[in-house]
Amino acid sequence: MSDQTTSSPPSNRPLDQQPEAWGAVAPDYHAFSANVTWTFAEDAARLVPIGEGTRVIDVAAGTGNFTFAAARRGADVLATDFSPGMIEYLRAEAEQRALSHRVHTAVMDGQQLDAADESFDVSGSIFGVLFYPDPDKGLRELSRVLIPGGRAVVSTWAPPPRGEIGRIMADAMAKAMPNMMPPAGSPAWAALGEADAFRQRLLNNGFARAHVVELRHVWVFDRLDSFVALMAKAAPPAVAMSKAMTPEQRTRFRDAVVEDFRSRQGEGPYALTHEGMIAVGTK
């Protein structure tokens, strides 16, 4: 496996499906994910057999939480993402963690992996497939590259209204921009559905067996100002939302988030709960 970097053409897709948009937020996304997604990535690495020499592909790897969890266990990991900026950040992080000998990187579309059939023991996508234009195609690719009997581990967020951060942001947006119409229906990333539907989706896309584990983790922090600042920069849709606001609206949004926490949790420490699901499929 060799390191690869390719460029991506301009896209008219939504921001969360644009490689350059994710690359632009890589450092802030990494700071945010260090508090949110890494706990789920560690759980994912415990739910599949990973040891010395295990061949792992991490698809839509982002800044590498699952990659590093697998590499620390002795796996040889190919970390892929459609964003060159994310891959550059992951590669630098692997060097800093002294894991470059176990981590290889490549820019790839998770819906069409440039990888041979039956070439990995474990495939994973931690909070990646849920953002694909075609999640089923992404799941089929995770199955295709596995050896017979290989395992895939895939995570998604619990659908609304269970996500606490979604509720906090929606309430703050309503106060900052009271005349804005709320979005109709569930967000696109909720398409993987509830646990039973998530499991069935794996069974429909190349897996002989599947089960789903539902998890809850907490992020504890002391400084609300730092949290609010990071929340507005950690993902392309959040950046676009902030840019669309006037300075007055941004102030109202910030004040609403701060008041939400302080009205419930006083002067801190503050706790934010995240709920997710991890599916494990056997080919």
C-alpha atoms as a PDB file:
ATOM      1  CA  MET A   1       0.000   0.000   0.000  1.00  0.00           C
ATOM      2  CA  SER A   2       1.375   3.406  -0.930  1.00  0.00           C
ATOM      3  CA  ASP A   3       0.438   6.920   0.033  1.00  0.00           C
ATOM      4  CA  GLN A   4      -1.629   8.678  -2.614  1.00  0.00           C
ATOM      5  CA  THR A   5      -3.011  12.172  -3.019  1.00  0.00           C
ATOM      6  CA  THR A   6      -5.307  13.299  -5.800  1.00  0.00           C
ATOM      7  CA  SER A   7      -7.235  16.476  -6.443  1.00  0.00           C
ATOM      8  CA  SER A   8     -11.021  16.688  -6.462  1.00  0.00           C
ATOM      9  CA  PRO A   9     -13.104  18.642  -8.978  1.00  0.00           C
ATOM     10  CA  PRO A  10     -15.458  21.423  -7.856  1.00  0.00           C
ATOM     11  CA  SER A  11     -18.794  20.134  -6.575  1.00  0.00           C
ATOM     12  CA  ASN A  12     -22.377  21.366  -6.469  1.00  0.00           C
ATOM     13  CA  ARG A  13     -23.171  18.903  -3.697  1.00  0.00           C
ATOM     14  CA  PRO A  14     -24.226  20.018  -0.201  1.00  0.00           C
ATOM     15  CA  LEU A  15     -21.373  21.345   1.912  1.00  0.00           C
ATOM     16  CA  ASP A  16     -21.052  18.157   3.951  1.00  0.00           C
ATOM     17  CA  GLN A  17     -20.371  16.277   0.689  1.00  0.00           C
ATOM     18  CA  GLN A  18     -17.660  18.636  -0.610  1.00  0.00           C
ATOM     19  CA  PRO A  19     -14.025  17.560  -0.121  1.00  0.00           C
ATOM     20  CA  GLU A  20     -12.596  21.073  -0.095  1.00  0.00           C
ATOM     21  CA  ALA A  21     -15.086  22.223   2.548  1.00  0.00           C
ATOM     22  CA  TRP A  22     -13.972  19.459   4.930  1.00  0.00           C
ATOM     23  CA  GLY A  23     -10.314  20.119   4.225  1.00  0.00           C
ATOM     24  CA  ALA A  24     -10.779  23.764   5.166  1.00  0.00           C
ATOM     25  CA  VAL A  25     -12.020  22.848   8.652  1.00  0.00           C
ATOM     26  CA  ALA A  26      -9.629  19.932   9.333  1.00  0.00           C
ATOM     27  CA  PRO A  27      -7.825  21.461  12.387  1.00  0.00           C
ATOM     28  CA  ASP A  28     -11.058  22.610  14.049  1.00  0.00           C
ATOM     29  CA  TYR A  29     -12.815  19.365  13.189  1.00  0.00           C
ATOM     30  CA  HIS A  30      -9.924  17.473  14.780  1.00  0.00           C
ATOM     31  CA  ALA A  31     -10.196  19.550  17.969  1.00  0.00           C
ATOM     32  CA  PHE A  32     -13.945  18.905  18.075  1.00  0.00           C
ATOM     33  CA  SER A  33     -13.702  15.184  17.252  1.00  0.00           C
ATOM     34  CA  ALA A  34     -11.080  14.733  19.955  1.00  0.00           C
ATOM     35  CA  ASN A  35     -13.912  15.377  22.406  1.00  0.00           C
ATOM     36  CA  VAL A  36     -16.788  13.710  20.554  1.00  0.00           C
ATOM     37  CA  THR A  37     -16.075  10.993  18.000  1.00  0.00           C
ATOM     38  CA  TRP A  38     -12.882   9.454  19.411  1.00  0.00           C
ATOM     39  CA  THR A  39     -14.791   7.662  22.158  1.00  0.00           C
ATOM     40  CA  PHE A  40     -17.029   5.999  19.567  1.00  0.00           C
ATOM     41  CA  ALA A  41     -13.958   5.152  17.452  1.00  0.00           C
ATOM     42  CA  GLU A  42     -12.356   3.433  20.434  1.00  0.00           C
ATOM     43  CA  ASP A  43     -15.556   1.458  20.986  1.00  0.00           C
ATOM     44  CA  ALA A  44     -15.596   0.483  17.305  1.00  0.00           C
ATOM     45  CA  ALA A  45     -12.040  -0.847  17.517  1.00  0.00           C
ATOM     46  CA  ARG A  46     -13.049  -3.029  20.479  1.00  0.00           C
ATOM     47  CA  LEU A  47     -16.065  -4.468  18.650  1.00  0.00           C
ATOM     48  CA  VAL A  48     -14.070  -6.157  15.862  1.00  0.00           C
ATOM     49  CA  PRO A  49     -10.993  -8.411  16.024  1.00  0.00           C
ATOM     50  CA  ILE A  50      -7.952  -6.161  15.544  1.00  0.00           C
ATOM     51  CA  GLY A  51      -4.440  -7.254  16.451  1.00  0.00           C
ATOM     52  CA  GLU A  52      -0.902  -7.481  15.147  1.00  0.00           C
ATOM     53  CA  GLY A  53      -0.922  -7.462  11.347  1.00  0.00           C
ATOM     54  CA  THR A  54      -4.694  -7.110  10.891  1.00  0.00           C
ATOM     55  CA  ARG A  55      -5.386  -5.431   7.544  1.00  0.00           C
ATOM     56  CA  VAL A  56      -7.760  -2.521   8.146  1.00  0.00           C
ATOM     57  CA  ILE A  57      -9.254   0.060   5.813  1.00  0.00           C
ATOM     58  CA  ASP A  58     -10.702   3.187   7.441  1.00  0.00           C
ATOM     59  CA  VAL A  59     -13.110   4.843   4.999  1.00  0.00           C
ATOM     60  CA  ALA A  60     -14.050   8.509   5.386  1.00  0.00           C
ATOM     61  CA  ALA A  61     -11.351   8.503   8.047  1.00  0.00           C
ATOM     62  CA  GLY A  62     -11.466  12.236   8.742  1.00  0.00           C
ATOM     63  CA  THR A  63      -8.579  13.129  11.007  1.00  0.00           C
ATOM     64  CA  GLY A  64      -8.021   9.512  12.004  1.00  0.00           C
ATOM     65  CA  ASN A  65      -9.653   8.484  15.278  1.00  0.00           C
ATOM     66  CA  PHE A  66     -10.455   4.922  14.151  1.00  0.00           C
ATOM     67  CA  THR A  67      -7.207   4.693  12.181  1.00  0.00           C
ATOM     68  CA  PHE A  68      -5.133   5.404  15.278  1.00  0.00           C
ATOM     69  CA  ALA A  69      -7.229   3.128  17.497  1.00  0.00           C
ATOM     70  CA  ALA A  70      -6.558   0.261  15.060  1.00  0.00           C
ATOM     71  CA  ALA A  71      -2.872   1.117  14.526  1.00  0.00           C
ATOM     72  CA  ARG A  72      -2.194   1.181  18.262  1.00  0.00           C
ATOM     73  CA  ARG A  73      -3.502  -2.396  18.388  1.00  0.00           C
ATOM     74  CA  GLY A  74      -0.939  -3.466  15.787  1.00  0.00           C
ATOM     75  CA  ALA A  75      -3.026  -3.223  12.601  1.00  0.00           C
ATOM     76  CA  ASP A  76      -1.735  -2.133   9.208  1.00  0.00           C
ATOM     77  CA  VAL A  77      -4.202   0.588   8.245  1.00  0.00           C
ATOM     78  CA  LEU A  78      -5.108   2.218   4.950  1.00  0.00           C
ATOM     79  CA  ALA A  79      -6.813   5.493   5.903  1.00  0.00           C
ATOM     80  CA  THR A  80      -8.930   6.974   3.126  1.00  0.00           C
ATOM     81  CA  ASP A  81     -10.993  10.129   2.793  1.00  0.00           C
ATOM     82  CA  PHE A  82     -12.415  12.086  -0.128  1.00  0.00           C
ATOM     83  CA  SER A  83     -10.856  15.284   1.255  1.00  0.00           C
ATOM     84  CA  PRO A  84      -7.150  15.813   0.492  1.00  0.00           C
ATOM     85  CA  GLY A  85      -7.030  18.323   3.359  1.00  0.00           C
ATOM     86  CA  MET A  86      -8.243  15.732   5.834  1.00  0.00           C
ATOM     87  CA  ILE A  87      -5.720  13.190   4.552  1.00  0.00           C
ATOM     88  CA  GLU A  88      -2.857  15.674   4.888  1.00  0.00           C
ATOM     89  CA  TYR A  89      -3.890  16.374   8.475  1.00  0.00           C
ATOM     90  CA  LEU A  90      -4.189  12.653   9.251  1.00  0.00           C
ATOM     91  CA  ARG A  91      -0.771  11.924   7.760  1.00  0.00           C
ATOM     92  CA  ALA A  92       0.851  14.637   9.905  1.00  0.00           C
ATOM     93  CA  GLU A  93      -0.957  13.337  12.985  1.00  0.00           C
ATOM     94  CA  ALA A  94       0.276   9.804  12.292  1.00  0.00           C
ATOM     95  CA  GLU A  95       3.841  11.094  12.190  1.00  0.00           C
ATOM     96  CA  GLN A  96       3.364  13.002  15.440  1.00  0.00           C
ATOM     97  CA  ARG A  97       2.009   9.860  17.114  1.00  0.00           C
ATOM     98  CA  ALA A  98       4.894   7.740  15.740  1.00  0.00           C
ATOM     99  CA  LEU A  99       2.412   5.551  13.847  1.00  0.00           C
ATOM    100  CA  SER A 100       3.531   6.268  10.265  1.00  0.00           C
ATOM    101  CA  HIS A 101       4.931   2.754   9.927  1.00  0.00           C
ATOM    102  CA  ARG A 102       1.435   1.349  10.422  1.00  0.00           C
ATOM    103  CA  VAL A 103      -0.676   4.013   8.673  1.00  0.00           C
ATOM    104  CA  HIS A 104      -0.883   4.522   4.908  1.00  0.00           C
ATOM    105  CA  THR A 105      -3.146   7.154   3.361  1.00  0.00           C
ATOM    106  CA  ALA A 106      -5.057   7.665   0.118  1.00  0.00           C
ATOM    107  CA  VAL A 107      -7.666  10.064  -1.214  1.00  0.00           C
ATOM    108  CA  MET A 108     -10.676   7.959  -2.227  1.00  0.00           C
ATOM    109  CA  ASP A 109     -14.416   8.215  -2.675  1.00  0.00           C
ATOM    110  CA  GLY A 110     -15.981   5.871  -0.135  1.00  0.00           C
ATOM    111  CA  GLN A 111     -18.680   4.954  -2.652  1.00  0.00           C
ATOM    112  CA  GLN A 112     -16.064   3.725  -5.152  1.00  0.00           C
ATOM    113  CA  LEU A 113     -12.949   2.549  -3.357  1.00  0.00           C
ATOM    114  CA  ASP A 114      -9.749   2.046  -5.309  1.00  0.00           C
ATOM    115  CA  ALA A 115      -9.069  -1.215  -3.487  1.00  0.00           C
ATOM    116  CA  ALA A 116      -9.174  -4.844  -4.572  1.00  0.00           C
ATOM    117  CA  ASP A 117     -11.924  -7.273  -3.655  1.00  0.00           C
ATOM    118  CA  GLU A 118     -11.286  -9.298  -0.479  1.00  0.00           C
ATOM    119  CA  SER A 119      -8.147  -7.365   0.473  1.00  0.00           C
ATOM    120  CA  PHE A 120      -8.879  -6.423   4.116  1.00  0.00           C
ATOM    121  CA  ASP A 121      -9.737  -8.230   7.325  1.00  0.00           C
ATOM    122  CA  VAL A 122     -11.631  -5.239   8.792  1.00  0.00           C
ATOM    123  CA  SER A 123     -13.305  -2.257   7.156  1.00  0.00           C
ATOM    124  CA  GLY A 124     -14.596   0.718   9.101  1.00  0.00           C
ATOM    125  CA  SER A 125     -16.346   4.037   8.657  1.00  0.00           C
ATOM    126  CA  ILE A 126     -16.895   6.123  11.766  1.00  0.00           C
ATOM    127  CA  PHE A 127     -19.541   8.798  11.144  1.00  0.00           C
ATOM    128  CA  GLY A 128     -18.744   8.744   7.425  1.00  0.00           C
ATOM    129  CA  VAL A 129     -21.311   6.663   5.533  1.00  0.00           C
ATOM    130  CA  LEU A 130     -24.183   8.695   6.960  1.00  0.00           C
ATOM    131  CA  PHE A 131     -23.034  11.716   4.895  1.00  0.00           C
ATOM    132  CA  TYR A 132     -22.754   9.854   1.571  1.00  0.00           C
ATOM    133  CA  PRO A 133     -25.136  10.698  -1.275  1.00  0.00           C
ATOM    134  CA  ASP A 134     -25.726   6.917  -1.497  1.00  0.00           C
ATOM    135  CA  PRO A 135     -25.115   5.200   1.892  1.00  0.00           C
ATOM    136  CA  ASP A 136     -26.068   1.784   0.485  1.00  0.00           C
ATOM    137  CA  LYS A 137     -23.303   2.036  -2.102  1.00  0.00           C
ATOM    138  CA  GLY A 138     -20.857   2.895   0.665  1.00  0.00           C
ATOM    139  CA  LEU A 139     -21.926  -0.144   2.701  1.00  0.00           C
ATOM    140  CA  ARG A 140     -21.533  -2.407  -0.329  1.00  0.00           C
ATOM    141  CA  GLU A 141     -17.983  -1.111  -0.800  1.00  0.00           C
ATOM    142  CA  LEU A 142     -17.163  -1.852   2.847  1.00  0.00           C
ATOM    143  CA  SER A 143     -18.338  -5.413   2.216  1.00  0.00           C
ATOM    144  CA  ARG A 144     -16.648  -5.833  -1.176  1.00  0.00           C
ATOM    145  CA  VAL A 145     -13.131  -5.173   0.116  1.00  0.00           C
ATOM    146  CA  LEU A 146     -13.471  -7.666   2.989  1.00  0.00           C
ATOM    147  CA  ILE A 147     -12.237 -11.233   2.986  1.00  0.00           C
ATOM    148  CA  PRO A 148     -14.946 -13.875   3.567  1.00  0.00           C
ATOM    149  CA  GLY A 149     -15.710 -13.748   7.273  1.00  0.00           C
ATOM    150  CA  GLY A 150     -14.225 -10.254   7.570  1.00  0.00           C
ATOM    151  CA  ARG A 151     -15.902  -7.627   9.728  1.00  0.00           C
ATOM    152  CA  ALA A 152     -17.117  -4.117   9.017  1.00  0.00           C
ATOM    153  CA  VAL A 153     -17.781  -1.579  11.734  1.00  0.00           C
ATOM    154  CA  VAL A 154     -19.916   1.458  10.890  1.00  0.00           C
ATOM    155  CA  SER A 155     -21.201   4.224  13.141  1.00  0.00           C
ATOM    156  CA  THR A 156     -23.960   6.797  12.871  1.00  0.00           C
ATOM    157  CA  TRP A 157     -25.551   9.311  15.180  1.00  0.00           C
ATOM    158  CA  ALA A 158     -28.803   8.491  16.898  1.00  0.00           C
ATOM    159  CA  PRO A 159     -31.586  10.178  14.911  1.00  0.00           C
ATOM    160  CA  PRO A 160     -33.407  13.309  16.139  1.00  0.00           C
ATOM    161  CA  PRO A 161     -34.699  14.158  18.652  1.00  0.00           C
ATOM    162  CA  ARG A 162     -32.130  12.167  20.652  1.00  0.00           C
ATOM    163  CA  GLY A 163     -29.106  14.292  19.757  1.00  0.00           C
ATOM    164  CA  GLU A 164     -28.594  16.865  22.521  1.00  0.00           C
ATOM    165  CA  ILE A 165     -26.340  19.159  20.502  1.00  0.00           C
ATOM    166  CA  GLY A 166     -28.920  19.298  17.716  1.00  0.00           C
ATOM    167  CA  ARG A 167     -31.578  20.450  20.158  1.00  0.00           C
ATOM    168  CA  ILE A 168     -29.289  23.113  21.641  1.00  0.00           C
ATOM    169  CA  MET A 169     -28.345  24.476  18.212  1.00  0.00           C
ATOM    170  CA  ALA A 170     -31.937  24.465  16.944  1.00  0.00           C
ATOM    171  CA  ASP A 171     -33.150  26.394  19.990  1.00  0.00           C
ATOM    172  CA  ALA A 172     -30.305  28.902  19.658  1.00  0.00           C
ATOM    173  CA  MET A 173     -31.003  29.365  15.934  1.00  0.00           C
ATOM    174  CA  ALA A 174     -34.667  30.036  16.668  1.00  0.00           C
ATOM    175  CA  LYS A 175     -33.649  32.828  19.055  1.00  0.00           C
ATOM    176  CA  ALA A 176     -30.980  34.249  16.755  1.00  0.00           C
ATOM    177  CA  MET A 177     -33.120  34.146  13.605  1.00  0.00           C
ATOM    178  CA  PRO A 178     -36.768  33.945  14.739  1.00  0.00           C
ATOM    179  CA  ASN A 179     -38.162  34.528  11.228  1.00  0.00           C
ATOM    180  CA  MET A 180     -36.231  31.674   9.635  1.00  0.00           C
ATOM    181  CA  MET A 181     -38.335  28.674   8.665  1.00  0.00           C
ATOM    182  CA  PRO A 182     -37.126  25.451  10.338  1.00  0.00           C
ATOM    183  CA  PRO A 183     -35.987  22.708   7.943  1.00  0.00           C
ATOM    184  CA  ALA A 184     -38.653  20.233   6.876  1.00  0.00           C
ATOM    185  CA  GLY A 185     -38.198  16.593   7.781  1.00  0.00           C
ATOM    186  CA  SER A 186     -35.186  14.811   9.199  1.00  0.00           C
ATOM    187  CA  PRO A 187     -31.633  15.758   8.169  1.00  0.00           C
ATOM    188  CA  ALA A 188     -30.085  13.687   5.380  1.00  0.00           C
ATOM    189  CA  TRP A 189     -27.529  12.183   7.780  1.00  0.00           C
ATOM    190  CA  ALA A 190     -30.357  10.517   9.727  1.00  0.00           C
ATOM    191  CA  ALA A 191     -31.102   8.220   6.769  1.00  0.00           C
ATOM    192  CA  LEU A 192     -29.522   5.168   8.416  1.00  0.00           C
ATOM    193  CA  GLY A 193     -32.440   5.188  10.796  1.00  0.00           C
ATOM    194  CA  GLU A 194     -33.069   3.410  14.061  1.00  0.00           C
ATOM    195  CA  ALA A 195     -31.091   0.389  15.233  1.00  0.00           C
ATOM    196  CA  ASP A 196     -33.270  -2.268  13.573  1.00  0.00           C
ATOM    197  CA  ALA A 197     -33.285  -0.408  10.264  1.00  0.00           C
ATOM    198  CA  PHE A 198     -29.520   0.143  10.496  1.00  0.00           C
ATOM    199  CA  ARG A 199     -28.937  -3.579  11.015  1.00  0.00           C
ATOM    200  CA  GLN A 200     -31.233  -4.468   8.126  1.00  0.00           C
ATOM    201  CA  ARG A 201     -29.379  -2.050   5.893  1.00  0.00           C
ATOM    202  CA  LEU A 202     -26.149  -3.980   6.401  1.00  0.00           C
ATOM    203  CA  LEU A 203     -27.921  -7.279   5.699  1.00  0.00           C
ATOM    204  CA  ASN A 204     -29.296  -5.794   2.474  1.00  0.00           C
ATOM    205  CA  ASN A 205     -25.844  -4.721   1.305  1.00  0.00           C
ATOM    206  CA  GLY A 206     -23.578  -7.735   1.384  1.00  0.00           C
ATOM    207  CA  PHE A 207     -23.338  -8.837   5.016  1.00  0.00           C
ATOM    208  CA  ALA A 208     -24.383 -12.278   6.237  1.00  0.00           C
ATOM    209  CA  ARG A 209     -24.748 -11.209   9.882  1.00  0.00           C
ATOM    210  CA  ALA A 210     -25.068  -7.867  11.628  1.00  0.00           C
ATOM    211  CA  HIS A 211     -25.766  -6.393  15.035  1.00  0.00           C
ATOM    212  CA  VAL A 212     -26.041  -2.863  16.363  1.00  0.00           C
ATOM    213  CA  VAL A 213     -24.749  -1.469  19.643  1.00  0.00           C
ATOM    214  CA  GLU A 214     -26.305   1.744  20.963  1.00  0.00           C
ATOM    215  CA  LEU A 215     -23.956   3.985  22.925  1.00  0.00           C
ATOM    216  CA  ARG A 216     -23.919   7.211  24.887  1.00  0.00           C
ATOM    217  CA  HIS A 217     -20.843   9.271  25.718  1.00  0.00           C
ATOM    218  CA  VAL A 218     -20.356  12.560  27.513  1.00  0.00           C
ATOM    219  CA  TRP A 219     -18.084  15.505  26.755  1.00  0.00           C
ATOM    220  CA  VAL A 220     -17.174  17.459  29.901  1.00  0.00           C
ATOM    221  CA  PHE A 221     -15.658  20.919  29.558  1.00  0.00           C
ATOM    222  CA  ASP A 222     -15.119  24.046  31.639  1.00  0.00           C
ATOM    223  CA  ARG A 223     -15.175  26.983  29.208  1.00  0.00           C
ATOM    224  CA  LEU A 224     -18.395  27.814  27.397  1.00  0.00           C
ATOM    225  CA  ASP A 225     -16.760  30.490  25.248  1.00  0.00           C
ATOM    226  CA  SER A 226     -14.271  28.002  23.821  1.00  0.00           C
ATOM    227  CA  PHE A 227     -17.020  25.441  23.224  1.00  0.00           C
ATOM    228  CA  VAL A 228     -19.248  27.902  21.333  1.00  0.00           C
ATOM    229  CA  ALA A 229     -16.342  29.159  19.219  1.00  0.00           C
ATOM    230  CA  LEU A 230     -15.330  25.619  18.254  1.00  0.00           C
ATOM    231  CA  MET A 231     -18.903  24.529  17.551  1.00  0.00           C
ATOM    232  CA  ALA A 232     -19.193  27.250  14.890  1.00  0.00           C
ATOM    233  CA  LYS A 233     -16.040  26.125  13.049  1.00  0.00           C
ATOM    234  CA  ALA A 234     -15.877  22.333  13.298  1.00  0.00           C
ATOM    235  CA  ALA A 235     -17.945  21.301  10.251  1.00  0.00           C
ATOM    236  CA  PRO A 236     -18.803  22.892   6.890  1.00  0.00           C
ATOM    237  CA  PRO A 237     -22.546  23.333   7.596  1.00  0.00           C
ATOM    238  CA  ALA A 238     -21.738  25.087  10.892  1.00  0.00           C
ATOM    239  CA  VAL A 239     -19.285  27.418   9.133  1.00  0.00           C
ATOM    240  CA  ALA A 240     -21.880  28.257   6.480  1.00  0.00           C
ATOM    241  CA  MET A 241     -24.526  28.879   9.123  1.00  0.00           C
ATOM    242  CA  SER A 242     -22.261  31.270  11.009  1.00  0.00           C
ATOM    243  CA  LYS A 243     -21.296  33.157   7.853  1.00  0.00           C
ATOM    244  CA  ALA A 244     -24.959  33.565   6.924  1.00  0.00           C
ATOM    245  CA  MET A 245     -25.688  35.396  10.196  1.00  0.00           C
ATOM    246  CA  THR A 246     -25.249  39.083  10.865  1.00  0.00           C
ATOM    247  CA  PRO A 247     -22.910  40.042  13.751  1.00  0.00           C
ATOM    248  CA  GLU A 248     -25.992  40.703  15.896  1.00  0.00           C
ATOM    249  CA  GLN A 249     -27.446  37.286  15.083  1.00  0.00           C
ATOM    250  CA  ARG A 250     -24.152  35.573  15.887  1.00  0.00           C
ATOM    251  CA  THR A 251     -24.141  37.311  19.276  1.00  0.00           C
ATOM    252  CA  ARG A 252     -27.728  36.221  19.963  1.00  0.00           C
ATOM    253  CA  PHE A 253     -26.859  32.660  18.935  1.00  0.00           C
ATOM    254  CA  ARG A 254     -23.829  32.570  21.221  1.00  0.00           C
ATOM    255  CA  ASP A 255     -25.782  34.054  24.137  1.00  0.00           C
ATOM    256  CA  ALA A 256     -28.594  31.531  23.641  1.00  0.00           C
ATOM    257  CA  VAL A 257     -26.180  28.571  23.756  1.00  0.00           C
ATOM    258  CA  VAL A 258     -24.470  29.943  26.863  1.00  0.00           C
ATOM    259  CA  GLU A 259     -27.799  30.555  28.593  1.00  0.00           C
ATOM    260  CA  ASP A 260     -28.999  27.041  27.699  1.00  0.00           C
ATOM    261  CA  PHE A 261     -26.031  25.502  29.499  1.00  0.00           C
ATOM    262  CA  ARG A 262     -25.955  27.901  32.451  1.00  0.00           C
ATOM    263  CA  SER A 263     -29.699  27.616  33.108  1.00  0.00           C
ATOM    264  CA  ARG A 264     -29.246  23.839  33.532  1.00  0.00           C
ATOM    265  CA  GLN A 265     -25.644  23.440  34.692  1.00  0.00           C
ATOM    266  CA  GLY A 266     -24.760  26.700  36.429  1.00  0.00           C
ATOM    267  CA  GLU A 267     -21.107  27.686  36.244  1.00  0.00           C
ATOM    268  CA  GLY A 268     -19.916  24.252  35.174  1.00  0.00           C
ATOM    269  CA  PRO A 269     -18.183  21.961  34.616  1.00  0.00           C
ATOM    270  CA  TYR A 270     -20.498  21.451  31.655  1.00  0.00           C
ATOM    271  CA  ALA A 271     -21.572  18.120  30.200  1.00  0.00           C
ATOM    272  CA  LEU A 272     -22.833  17.427  26.689  1.00  0.00           C
ATOM    273  CA  THR A 273     -24.257  13.995  25.878  1.00  0.00           C
ATOM    274  CA  HIS A 274     -23.785  12.328  22.483  1.00  0.00           C
ATOM    275  CA  GLU A 275     -25.763   9.271  21.390  1.00  0.00           C
ATOM    276  CA  GLY A 276     -24.745   7.012  18.552  1.00  0.00           C
ATOM    277  CA  MET A 277     -25.017   3.525  17.091  1.00  0.00           C
ATOM    278  CA  ILE A 278     -22.270   1.201  15.896  1.00  0.00           C
ATOM    279  CA  ALA A 279     -23.161  -1.609  13.512  1.00  0.00           C
ATOM    280  CA  VAL A 280     -20.903  -4.634  13.094  1.00  0.00           C
ATOM    281  CA  GLY A 281     -21.378  -6.663   9.939  1.00  0.00           C
ATOM    282  CA  THR A 282     -19.798 -10.016   9.040  1.00  0.00           C
ATOM    283  CA  LYS A 283     -19.287 -10.797   5.368  1.00  0.00           C
END
